[in-house]
């Protein structure tokens, strides 16, 4: 639906601006990756998480969206490995 797409584009701009303002705020990268995933831009979602430090990439939230993006991208094995590596 067009309204949903419009809202996603607004969210994308907002999270990109948040990253510009504070590039150390991990949640902005994770949220932008979620938006990319919802926009069927799985490579963008994966790439956004890969911009984080290794420590940040190993957070539960980062691994979760990365696993989801890999799953949607058709890489189920990699997605399952990531999902199973999440420690709660």
N, C-alpha and C. Protein backbone atom coordinates (compact mmCIF):
# COMPACT_ATOMS: atom_id res chain seq x y z
N UNK A 1 0.84 -1.18 0.00
CA UNK A 1 0.00 0.00 0.00
C UNK A 1 0.88 1.24 0.00
N UNK A 2 0.44 2.25 -0.70
CA UNK A 2 1.26 3.46 -0.91
C UNK A 2 1.53 4.23 0.37
N UNK A 3 0.56 4.26 1.27
CA UNK A 3 0.78 4.98 2.54
C UNK A 3 1.88 4.32 3.35
N UNK A 4 1.89 2.99 3.39
CA UNK A 4 2.92 2.25 4.11
C UNK A 4 4.30 2.53 3.51
N UNK A 5 4.40 2.51 2.18
CA UNK A 5 5.67 2.80 1.51
C UNK A 5 6.14 4.21 1.82
N UNK A 6 5.20 5.13 1.84
CA UNK A 6 5.54 6.53 2.15
C UNK A 6 6.07 6.65 3.58
N UNK A 7 5.43 5.97 4.51
CA UNK A 7 5.88 5.99 5.90
C UNK A 7 7.26 5.36 6.04
N UNK A 8 7.51 4.29 5.31
CA UNK A 8 8.84 3.66 5.35
C UNK A 8 9.91 4.61 4.82
N UNK A 9 9.61 5.32 3.75
CA UNK A 9 10.57 6.27 3.19
C UNK A 9 10.86 7.41 4.19
N UNK A 10 9.82 7.86 4.89
CA UNK A 10 10.03 8.89 5.92
C UNK A 10 10.90 8.34 7.05
N UNK A 11 10.63 7.12 7.47
CA UNK A 11 11.41 6.50 8.53
C UNK A 11 12.87 6.34 8.09
N UNK A 12 13.06 5.94 6.84
CA UNK A 12 14.41 5.79 6.31
C UNK A 12 15.17 7.11 6.42
N UNK A 13 14.55 8.20 5.99
CA UNK A 13 15.20 9.51 6.06
C UNK A 13 15.52 9.89 7.51
N UNK A 14 14.56 9.61 8.41
CA UNK A 14 14.77 9.96 9.82
C UNK A 14 15.94 9.19 10.43
N UNK A 15 16.02 7.89 10.15
CA UNK A 15 17.11 7.09 10.71
C UNK A 15 18.45 7.45 10.07
N UNK A 16 18.44 7.78 8.78
CA UNK A 16 19.67 8.24 8.14
C UNK A 16 20.16 9.54 8.80
N UNK A 17 19.23 10.42 9.10
CA UNK A 17 19.59 11.68 9.77
C UNK A 17 20.10 11.41 11.19
N UNK A 18 19.46 10.48 11.88
CA UNK A 18 19.92 10.12 13.23
C UNK A 18 21.35 9.59 13.19
N UNK A 19 21.67 8.79 12.19
CA UNK A 19 23.03 8.27 12.05
C UNK A 19 24.00 9.41 11.74
N UNK A 20 23.57 10.36 10.90
CA UNK A 20 24.42 11.50 10.58
C UNK A 20 24.72 12.32 11.84
N UNK A 21 23.71 12.51 12.67
CA UNK A 21 23.87 13.30 13.89
C UNK A 21 24.73 12.57 14.91
N UNK A 22 24.49 11.27 15.09
CA UNK A 22 25.26 10.49 16.07
C UNK A 22 25.59 9.12 15.50
N UNK A 23 26.71 9.02 14.79
CA UNK A 23 27.08 7.75 14.16
C UNK A 23 27.44 6.64 15.15
N UNK A 24 27.46 6.94 16.44
CA UNK A 24 27.78 5.91 17.43
C UNK A 24 26.53 5.26 18.02
N UNK A 25 25.34 5.76 17.67
CA UNK A 25 24.10 5.25 18.25
C UNK A 25 23.63 4.02 17.47
N UNK A 26 23.92 2.85 18.02
CA UNK A 26 23.68 1.57 17.36
C UNK A 26 22.23 1.38 16.94
N UNK A 27 21.29 1.79 17.77
CA UNK A 27 19.87 1.57 17.49
C UNK A 27 19.44 2.20 16.17
N UNK A 28 20.04 3.31 15.78
CA UNK A 28 19.69 3.94 14.51
C UNK A 28 20.02 3.03 13.33
N UNK A 29 21.16 2.37 13.40
CA UNK A 29 21.56 1.43 12.35
C UNK A 29 20.60 0.24 12.31
N UNK A 30 20.28 -0.28 13.48
CA UNK A 30 19.38 -1.44 13.57
C UNK A 30 17.99 -1.07 13.05
N UNK A 31 17.50 0.10 13.45
CA UNK A 31 16.18 0.52 12.99
C UNK A 31 16.17 0.77 11.49
N UNK A 32 17.23 1.34 10.95
CA UNK A 32 17.32 1.55 9.50
C UNK A 32 17.37 0.21 8.78
N UNK A 33 18.09 -0.75 9.34
CA UNK A 33 18.12 -2.09 8.75
C UNK A 33 16.73 -2.71 8.73
N UNK A 34 15.95 -2.49 9.78
CA UNK A 34 14.57 -2.98 9.83
C UNK A 34 13.74 -2.34 8.72
N UNK A 35 13.90 -1.04 8.53
CA UNK A 35 13.17 -0.35 7.47
C UNK A 35 13.57 -0.92 6.11
N UNK A 36 14.86 -1.10 5.88
CA UNK A 36 15.31 -1.68 4.61
C UNK A 36 14.70 -3.06 4.39
N UNK A 37 14.66 -3.87 5.43
CA UNK A 37 14.08 -5.20 5.31
C UNK A 37 12.60 -5.11 4.91
N UNK A 38 11.88 -4.21 5.54
CA UNK A 38 10.46 -4.02 5.21
C UNK A 38 10.26 -3.50 3.79
N UNK A 39 11.29 -2.83 3.25
CA UNK A 39 11.23 -2.31 1.88
C UNK A 39 11.76 -3.34 0.87
N UNK A 40 12.00 -4.56 1.34
CA UNK A 40 12.55 -5.64 0.51
C UNK A 40 13.95 -5.33 0.00
N UNK A 41 14.67 -4.49 0.73
CA UNK A 41 16.06 -4.16 0.41
C UNK A 41 16.94 -4.92 1.41
N UNK A 42 17.02 -6.21 1.21
CA UNK A 42 17.72 -7.07 2.16
C UNK A 42 19.22 -6.83 2.14
N UNK A 43 19.77 -6.55 0.98
CA UNK A 43 21.20 -6.24 0.92
C UNK A 43 21.50 -4.95 1.69
N UNK A 44 20.62 -3.98 1.61
CA UNK A 44 20.79 -2.75 2.36
C UNK A 44 20.73 -3.00 3.86
N UNK A 45 19.81 -3.86 4.27
CA UNK A 45 19.69 -4.20 5.70
C UNK A 45 20.96 -4.88 6.20
N UNK A 46 21.43 -5.84 5.44
CA UNK A 46 22.65 -6.58 5.81
C UNK A 46 23.84 -5.62 5.84
N UNK A 47 23.94 -4.78 4.82
CA UNK A 47 25.04 -3.83 4.75
C UNK A 47 25.04 -2.84 5.90
N UNK A 48 23.85 -2.40 6.31
CA UNK A 48 23.75 -1.42 7.40
C UNK A 48 24.26 -2.05 8.70
N UNK A 49 23.91 -3.30 8.96
CA UNK A 49 24.40 -3.98 10.17
C UNK A 49 25.91 -4.19 10.08
N UNK A 50 26.39 -4.50 8.88
CA UNK A 50 27.83 -4.72 8.71
C UNK A 50 28.65 -3.45 8.88
N UNK A 51 28.01 -2.28 8.88
CA UNK A 51 28.71 -1.03 9.14
C UNK A 51 29.05 -0.87 10.63
N UNK A 52 28.38 -1.63 11.47
CA UNK A 52 28.62 -1.56 12.91
C UNK A 52 29.92 -2.25 13.28
N UNK A 53 30.45 -1.92 14.45
CA UNK A 53 31.63 -2.63 14.95
C UNK A 53 31.26 -4.09 15.22
N UNK A 54 32.24 -4.94 15.30
CA UNK A 54 31.99 -6.36 15.57
C UNK A 54 31.23 -6.53 16.89
N UNK A 55 31.60 -5.76 17.89
CA UNK A 55 30.92 -5.82 19.17
C UNK A 55 29.44 -5.47 19.02
N UNK A 56 29.16 -4.40 18.27
CA UNK A 56 27.77 -3.98 18.05
C UNK A 56 27.01 -5.01 17.21
N UNK A 57 27.69 -5.60 16.22
CA UNK A 57 27.06 -6.62 15.38
C UNK A 57 26.66 -7.84 16.20
N UNK A 58 27.36 -8.08 17.29
CA UNK A 58 27.07 -9.25 18.13
C UNK A 58 25.95 -9.00 19.14
N UNK A 59 25.35 -7.82 19.12
CA UNK A 59 24.22 -7.57 20.02
C UNK A 59 23.02 -8.40 19.56
N UNK A 60 22.14 -8.70 20.50
CA UNK A 60 20.96 -9.50 20.19
C UNK A 60 20.13 -8.83 19.09
N UNK A 61 19.89 -7.53 19.22
CA UNK A 61 19.05 -6.83 18.24
C UNK A 61 19.66 -6.84 16.85
N UNK A 62 20.97 -6.62 16.76
CA UNK A 62 21.63 -6.61 15.46
C UNK A 62 21.60 -8.00 14.83
N UNK A 63 21.87 -9.02 15.62
CA UNK A 63 21.83 -10.39 15.09
C UNK A 63 20.43 -10.77 14.64
N UNK A 64 19.45 -10.30 15.39
CA UNK A 64 18.06 -10.65 15.07
C UNK A 64 17.66 -10.10 13.69
N UNK A 65 17.89 -8.81 13.44
CA UNK A 65 17.50 -8.24 12.14
C UNK A 65 18.40 -8.78 11.03
N UNK A 66 19.65 -9.06 11.33
CA UNK A 66 20.54 -9.64 10.33
C UNK A 66 20.04 -11.02 9.92
N UNK A 67 19.63 -11.82 10.89
CA UNK A 67 19.09 -13.15 10.58
C UNK A 67 17.82 -13.04 9.75
N UNK A 68 16.95 -12.11 10.10
CA UNK A 68 15.70 -11.92 9.35
C UNK A 68 16.01 -11.49 7.92
N UNK A 69 16.95 -10.56 7.75
CA UNK A 69 17.30 -10.08 6.41
C UNK A 69 17.91 -11.21 5.57
N UNK A 70 18.80 -11.99 6.18
CA UNK A 70 19.37 -13.13 5.45
C UNK A 70 18.28 -14.13 5.06
N UNK A 71 17.33 -14.36 5.93
CA UNK A 71 16.22 -15.27 5.62
C UNK A 71 15.42 -14.75 4.42
N UNK A 72 15.06 -13.50 4.46
CA UNK A 72 14.29 -12.91 3.36
C UNK A 72 15.10 -12.87 2.07
N UNK A 73 16.42 -12.80 2.20
CA UNK A 73 17.32 -12.77 1.04
C UNK A 73 17.53 -14.17 0.45
N UNK A 74 16.95 -15.17 1.11
CA UNK A 74 17.04 -16.54 0.61
C UNK A 74 18.22 -17.32 1.14
N UNK A 75 18.89 -16.79 2.15
CA UNK A 75 20.04 -17.48 2.73
C UNK A 75 19.63 -18.06 4.08
N UNK A 76 18.76 -19.08 3.99
CA UNK A 76 18.17 -19.66 5.20
C UNK A 76 19.19 -20.27 6.15
N UNK A 77 20.22 -20.91 5.61
CA UNK A 77 21.22 -21.55 6.47
C UNK A 77 21.95 -20.50 7.30
N UNK A 78 22.39 -19.44 6.65
CA UNK A 78 23.08 -18.36 7.37
C UNK A 78 22.14 -17.72 8.39
N UNK A 79 20.88 -17.54 8.01
CA UNK A 79 19.88 -16.96 8.92
C UNK A 79 19.71 -17.85 10.15
N UNK A 80 19.61 -19.15 9.93
CA UNK A 80 19.41 -20.07 11.05
C UNK A 80 20.62 -20.10 11.97
N UNK A 81 21.81 -20.07 11.39
CA UNK A 81 23.03 -20.05 12.21
C UNK A 81 23.05 -18.80 13.08
N UNK A 82 22.74 -17.66 12.50
CA UNK A 82 22.71 -16.41 13.27
C UNK A 82 21.66 -16.47 14.36
N UNK A 83 20.46 -16.92 14.00
CA UNK A 83 19.36 -16.99 14.96
C UNK A 83 19.74 -17.88 16.15
N UNK A 84 20.36 -19.01 15.83
CA UNK A 84 20.75 -19.94 16.89
C UNK A 84 21.91 -19.45 17.74
N UNK A 85 22.64 -18.45 17.24
CA UNK A 85 23.78 -17.93 18.01
C UNK A 85 23.35 -16.84 19.01
N UNK A 86 22.09 -16.44 18.94
CA UNK A 86 21.60 -15.38 19.83
C UNK A 86 21.48 -15.94 21.24
N UNK A 87 22.13 -15.23 22.16
CA UNK A 87 22.08 -15.61 23.58
C UNK A 87 21.22 -14.60 24.33
N UNK A 88 20.16 -15.10 24.93
CA UNK A 88 19.24 -14.21 25.65
C UNK A 88 19.59 -14.16 27.12
